[in-house]
Amino acid sequence: MSSILFFFVPTVIFMGLVAPLWLVLHYVSKSRAHKGLSEDDRHTLSSALAQVEKLEERIGTLETILDAEHPQWRDDEANHRYQGSTRR
């Protein structure tokens, strides 16, 4: 009987305390490891940022052209928005 008790008590302690704590900590560390961006996500993000930079450059070029050809275009746009909001 003492040999059964010798193996039973440590097994109960292990299954009741150590195993659940071990599993919880294992899956917490797994979720932290996968929290970052994947390689595919990083590639998509970098290509999107490159596209944004190109579009910003194009907008700057268009604004320069509009400033040269029609210097008051910013004021006209602001007046048009203001008049449109007061008509409601």
N, C-alpha and C. Protein backbone atom coordinates (compact mmCIF):
# COMPACT_ATOMS: atom_id res chain seq x y z
N MET A 1 0.83 -1.20 0.00
CA MET A 1 0.00 0.00 0.00
C MET A 1 0.87 1.25 0.00
N SER A 2 1.97 1.22 0.69
CA SER A 2 2.82 2.39 0.74
C SER A 2 3.47 2.67 -0.61
N SER A 3 3.69 1.64 -1.43
CA SER A 3 4.25 1.87 -2.76
C SER A 3 3.23 2.54 -3.68
N ILE A 4 1.95 2.20 -3.53
CA ILE A 4 0.90 2.86 -4.32
C ILE A 4 0.81 4.33 -3.91
N LEU A 5 0.83 4.57 -2.61
CA LEU A 5 0.78 5.93 -2.10
C LEU A 5 2.01 6.72 -2.51
N PHE A 6 3.15 6.05 -2.60
CA PHE A 6 4.40 6.68 -2.99
C PHE A 6 4.32 7.25 -4.42
N PHE A 7 3.62 6.57 -5.33
CA PHE A 7 3.47 7.04 -6.71
C PHE A 7 2.21 7.89 -6.91
N PHE A 8 1.17 7.63 -6.10
CA PHE A 8 -0.10 8.33 -6.27
C PHE A 8 -0.02 9.80 -5.88
N VAL A 9 0.59 10.12 -4.78
CA VAL A 9 0.65 11.51 -4.28
C VAL A 9 1.43 12.41 -5.24
N PRO A 10 2.62 12.02 -5.69
CA PRO A 10 3.31 12.90 -6.65
C PRO A 10 2.56 13.04 -7.99
N THR A 11 1.90 11.97 -8.40
CA THR A 11 1.13 12.03 -9.65
C THR A 11 -0.03 13.01 -9.52
N VAL A 12 -0.73 12.98 -8.42
CA VAL A 12 -1.85 13.91 -8.19
C VAL A 12 -1.33 15.34 -8.12
N ILE A 13 -0.25 15.54 -7.43
CA ILE A 13 0.33 16.90 -7.34
C ILE A 13 0.76 17.39 -8.72
N PHE A 14 1.40 16.50 -9.49
CA PHE A 14 1.83 16.89 -10.83
C PHE A 14 0.64 17.21 -11.72
N MET A 15 -0.36 16.35 -11.73
CA MET A 15 -1.53 16.55 -12.60
C MET A 15 -2.39 17.73 -12.15
N GLY A 16 -2.40 18.02 -10.88
CA GLY A 16 -3.24 19.10 -10.36
C GLY A 16 -2.60 20.47 -10.39
N LEU A 17 -1.28 20.53 -10.26
CA LEU A 17 -0.62 21.83 -10.17
C LEU A 17 0.37 22.09 -11.31
N VAL A 18 1.26 21.17 -11.52
CA VAL A 18 2.35 21.41 -12.45
C VAL A 18 1.87 21.36 -13.90
N ALA A 19 1.11 20.34 -14.27
CA ALA A 19 0.69 20.18 -15.68
C ALA A 19 -0.16 21.36 -16.17
N PRO A 20 -1.20 21.80 -15.43
CA PRO A 20 -1.97 22.95 -15.93
C PRO A 20 -1.13 24.22 -16.05
N LEU A 21 -0.27 24.47 -15.05
CA LEU A 21 0.58 25.65 -15.11
C LEU A 21 1.54 25.56 -16.30
N TRP A 22 2.08 24.41 -16.54
CA TRP A 22 2.99 24.18 -17.65
C TRP A 22 2.27 24.43 -18.99
N LEU A 23 1.06 23.92 -19.13
CA LEU A 23 0.30 24.12 -20.37
C LEU A 23 -0.03 25.59 -20.60
N VAL A 24 -0.47 26.27 -19.56
CA VAL A 24 -0.82 27.69 -19.69
C VAL A 24 0.40 28.50 -20.10
N LEU A 25 1.51 28.29 -19.44
CA LEU A 25 2.72 29.04 -19.79
C LEU A 25 3.23 28.69 -21.18
N HIS A 26 3.07 27.45 -21.59
CA HIS A 26 3.48 27.04 -22.94
C HIS A 26 2.68 27.80 -24.00
N TYR A 27 1.36 27.83 -23.85
CA TYR A 27 0.54 28.48 -24.88
C TYR A 27 0.63 30.01 -24.81
N VAL A 28 0.91 30.56 -23.65
CA VAL A 28 1.14 32.01 -23.56
C VAL A 28 2.40 32.37 -24.33
N SER A 29 3.45 31.58 -24.17
CA SER A 29 4.68 31.88 -24.89
C SER A 29 4.51 31.66 -26.39
N LYS A 30 3.71 30.68 -26.79
CA LYS A 30 3.43 30.46 -28.22
C LYS A 30 2.68 31.66 -28.82
N SER A 31 1.70 32.18 -28.09
CA SER A 31 0.94 33.32 -28.62
C SER A 31 1.81 34.57 -28.72
N ARG A 32 2.74 34.74 -27.80
CA ARG A 32 3.65 35.89 -27.87
C ARG A 32 4.59 35.76 -29.06
N ALA A 33 5.00 34.55 -29.36
CA ALA A 33 5.91 34.33 -30.48
C ALA A 33 5.23 34.62 -31.81
N HIS A 34 3.94 34.36 -31.91
CA HIS A 34 3.21 34.58 -33.16
C HIS A 34 2.54 35.95 -33.22
N LYS A 35 2.80 36.79 -32.26
CA LYS A 35 2.15 38.10 -32.20
C LYS A 35 2.66 39.06 -33.27
N GLY A 36 3.89 38.94 -33.70
CA GLY A 36 4.47 39.84 -34.68
C GLY A 36 3.93 39.58 -36.08
N LEU A 37 4.37 40.41 -37.01
CA LEU A 37 3.94 40.26 -38.40
C LEU A 37 4.68 39.11 -39.07
N SER A 38 3.98 38.43 -39.94
CA SER A 38 4.62 37.38 -40.71
C SER A 38 5.42 38.02 -41.84
N GLU A 39 6.25 37.23 -42.50
CA GLU A 39 7.07 37.75 -43.62
C GLU A 39 6.17 38.27 -44.73
N ASP A 40 5.09 37.57 -45.02
CA ASP A 40 4.17 38.00 -46.07
C ASP A 40 3.51 39.33 -45.70
N ASP A 41 3.12 39.46 -44.42
CA ASP A 41 2.52 40.72 -43.96
C ASP A 41 3.52 41.87 -44.04
N ARG A 42 4.75 41.60 -43.69
CA ARG A 42 5.79 42.65 -43.77
C ARG A 42 6.02 43.09 -45.21
N HIS A 43 6.02 42.13 -46.12
CA HIS A 43 6.21 42.46 -47.54
C HIS A 43 5.03 43.29 -48.06
N THR A 44 3.82 42.90 -47.70
CA THR A 44 2.63 43.65 -48.10
C THR A 44 2.66 45.07 -47.54
N LEU A 45 3.05 45.20 -46.29
CA LEU A 45 3.12 46.52 -45.65
C LEU A 45 4.17 47.40 -46.31
N SER A 46 5.33 46.83 -46.62
CA SER A 46 6.38 47.64 -47.25
C SER A 46 5.99 48.06 -48.66
N SER A 47 5.30 47.19 -49.39
CA SER A 47 4.86 47.59 -50.73
C SER A 47 3.76 48.65 -50.65
N ALA A 48 2.89 48.56 -49.65
CA ALA A 48 1.86 49.58 -49.47
C ALA A 48 2.49 50.93 -49.11
N LEU A 49 3.51 50.92 -48.25
CA LEU A 49 4.18 52.17 -47.91
C LEU A 49 4.90 52.78 -49.10
N ALA A 50 5.48 51.94 -49.95
CA ALA A 50 6.13 52.44 -51.17
C ALA A 50 5.09 53.07 -52.09
N GLN A 51 3.93 52.46 -52.20
CA GLN A 51 2.85 53.01 -53.03
C GLN A 51 2.37 54.35 -52.47
N VAL A 52 2.28 54.46 -51.16
CA VAL A 52 1.87 55.72 -50.52
C VAL A 52 2.87 56.82 -50.83
N GLU A 53 4.15 56.50 -50.76
CA GLU A 53 5.18 57.51 -51.07
C GLU A 53 5.08 57.98 -52.52
N LYS A 54 4.82 57.06 -53.44
CA LYS A 54 4.66 57.44 -54.85
C LYS A 54 3.45 58.34 -55.04
N LEU A 55 2.35 58.00 -54.37
CA LEU A 55 1.13 58.81 -54.49
C LEU A 55 1.32 60.19 -53.89
N GLU A 56 2.03 60.27 -52.77
CA GLU A 56 2.31 61.58 -52.18
C GLU A 56 3.14 62.44 -53.12
N GLU A 57 4.10 61.82 -53.77
CA GLU A 57 4.93 62.55 -54.74
C GLU A 57 4.08 63.04 -55.92
N ARG A 58 3.18 62.20 -56.39
CA ARG A 58 2.30 62.60 -57.50
C ARG A 58 1.37 63.75 -57.10
N ILE A 59 0.84 63.69 -55.88
CA ILE A 59 -0.02 64.78 -55.40
C ILE A 59 0.76 66.07 -55.32
N GLY A 60 2.00 65.99 -54.81
CA GLY A 60 2.84 67.18 -54.75
C GLY A 60 3.09 67.76 -56.14
N THR A 61 3.33 66.90 -57.12
CA THR A 61 3.54 67.36 -58.49
C THR A 61 2.29 68.02 -59.05
N LEU A 62 1.14 67.40 -58.81
CA LEU A 62 -0.12 67.98 -59.29
C LEU A 62 -0.41 69.33 -58.64
N GLU A 63 -0.12 69.45 -57.34
CA GLU A 63 -0.33 70.73 -56.67
C GLU A 63 0.60 71.80 -57.23
N THR A 64 1.83 71.43 -57.55
CA THR A 64 2.77 72.37 -58.16
C THR A 64 2.27 72.86 -59.51
N ILE A 65 1.76 71.94 -60.31
CA ILE A 65 1.21 72.31 -61.63
C ILE A 65 0.01 73.22 -61.46
N LEU A 66 -0.89 72.88 -60.54
CA LEU A 66 -2.07 73.72 -60.31
C LEU A 66 -1.68 75.10 -59.79
N ASP A 67 -0.67 75.16 -58.91
CA ASP A 67 -0.21 76.46 -58.41
C ASP A 67 0.34 77.32 -59.54
N ALA A 68 1.01 76.70 -60.51
CA ALA A 68 1.59 77.46 -61.62
C ALA A 68 0.50 77.91 -62.60
N GLU A 69 -0.49 77.07 -62.88
CA GLU A 69 -1.49 77.39 -63.89
C GLU A 69 -2.69 78.15 -63.33
N HIS A 70 -3.04 77.87 -62.09
CA HIS A 70 -4.22 78.50 -61.48
C HIS A 70 -3.91 78.78 -60.01
N PRO A 71 -3.25 79.92 -59.73
CA PRO A 71 -2.74 80.19 -58.38
C PRO A 71 -3.81 80.25 -57.28
N GLN A 72 -5.04 80.54 -57.63
CA GLN A 72 -6.08 80.69 -56.61
C GLN A 72 -6.90 79.41 -56.41
N TRP A 73 -6.44 78.28 -56.89
CA TRP A 73 -7.25 77.06 -56.84
C TRP A 73 -7.54 76.62 -55.41
N ARG A 74 -6.64 76.88 -54.48
CA ARG A 74 -6.89 76.50 -53.09
C ARG A 74 -8.00 77.35 -52.49
N ASP A 75 -7.99 78.64 -52.79
CA ASP A 75 -9.04 79.52 -52.29
C ASP A 75 -10.39 79.18 -52.91
N ASP A 76 -10.39 78.86 -54.22
CA ASP A 76 -11.63 78.50 -54.90
C ASP A 76 -12.23 77.23 -54.29
N GLU A 77 -11.38 76.28 -53.98
CA GLU A 77 -11.85 75.03 -53.38
C GLU A 77 -12.43 75.29 -51.99
N ALA A 78 -11.77 76.12 -51.20
CA ALA A 78 -12.25 76.42 -49.86
C ALA A 78 -13.58 77.15 -49.92
N ASN A 79 -13.72 78.11 -50.85
CA ASN A 79 -14.98 78.83 -51.00
C ASN A 79 -16.09 77.89 -51.45
N HIS A 80 -15.77 76.99 -52.36
CA HIS A 80 -16.77 76.05 -52.86
C HIS A 80 -17.25 75.13 -51.73
N ARG A 81 -16.34 74.68 -50.89
CA ARG A 81 -16.74 73.82 -49.76
C ARG A 81 -17.58 74.61 -48.77
N TYR A 82 -17.19 75.88 -48.51
CA TYR A 82 -17.94 76.68 -47.57
C TYR A 82 -19.35 76.96 -48.07
N GLN A 83 -19.48 77.29 -49.33
CA GLN A 83 -20.81 77.56 -49.91
C GLN A 83 -21.65 76.30 -49.94
N GLY A 84 -21.05 75.18 -50.20
CA GLY A 84 -21.78 73.92 -50.22
C GLY A 84 -22.30 73.55 -48.84
N SER A 85 -21.56 73.89 -47.78
CA SER A 85 -22.01 73.52 -46.44
C SER A 85 -23.08 74.47 -45.93
N THR A 86 -23.15 75.73 -46.43
CA THR A 86 -24.17 76.67 -45.98
C THR A 86 -25.48 76.47 -46.71
N ARG A 87 -25.48 75.81 -47.84
CA ARG A 87 -26.72 75.59 -48.59
C ARG A 87 -27.60 74.52 -47.97
N ARG A 88 -27.09 73.72 -47.11
CA ARG A 88 -27.87 72.62 -46.52
C ARG A 88 -28.93 73.08 -45.64
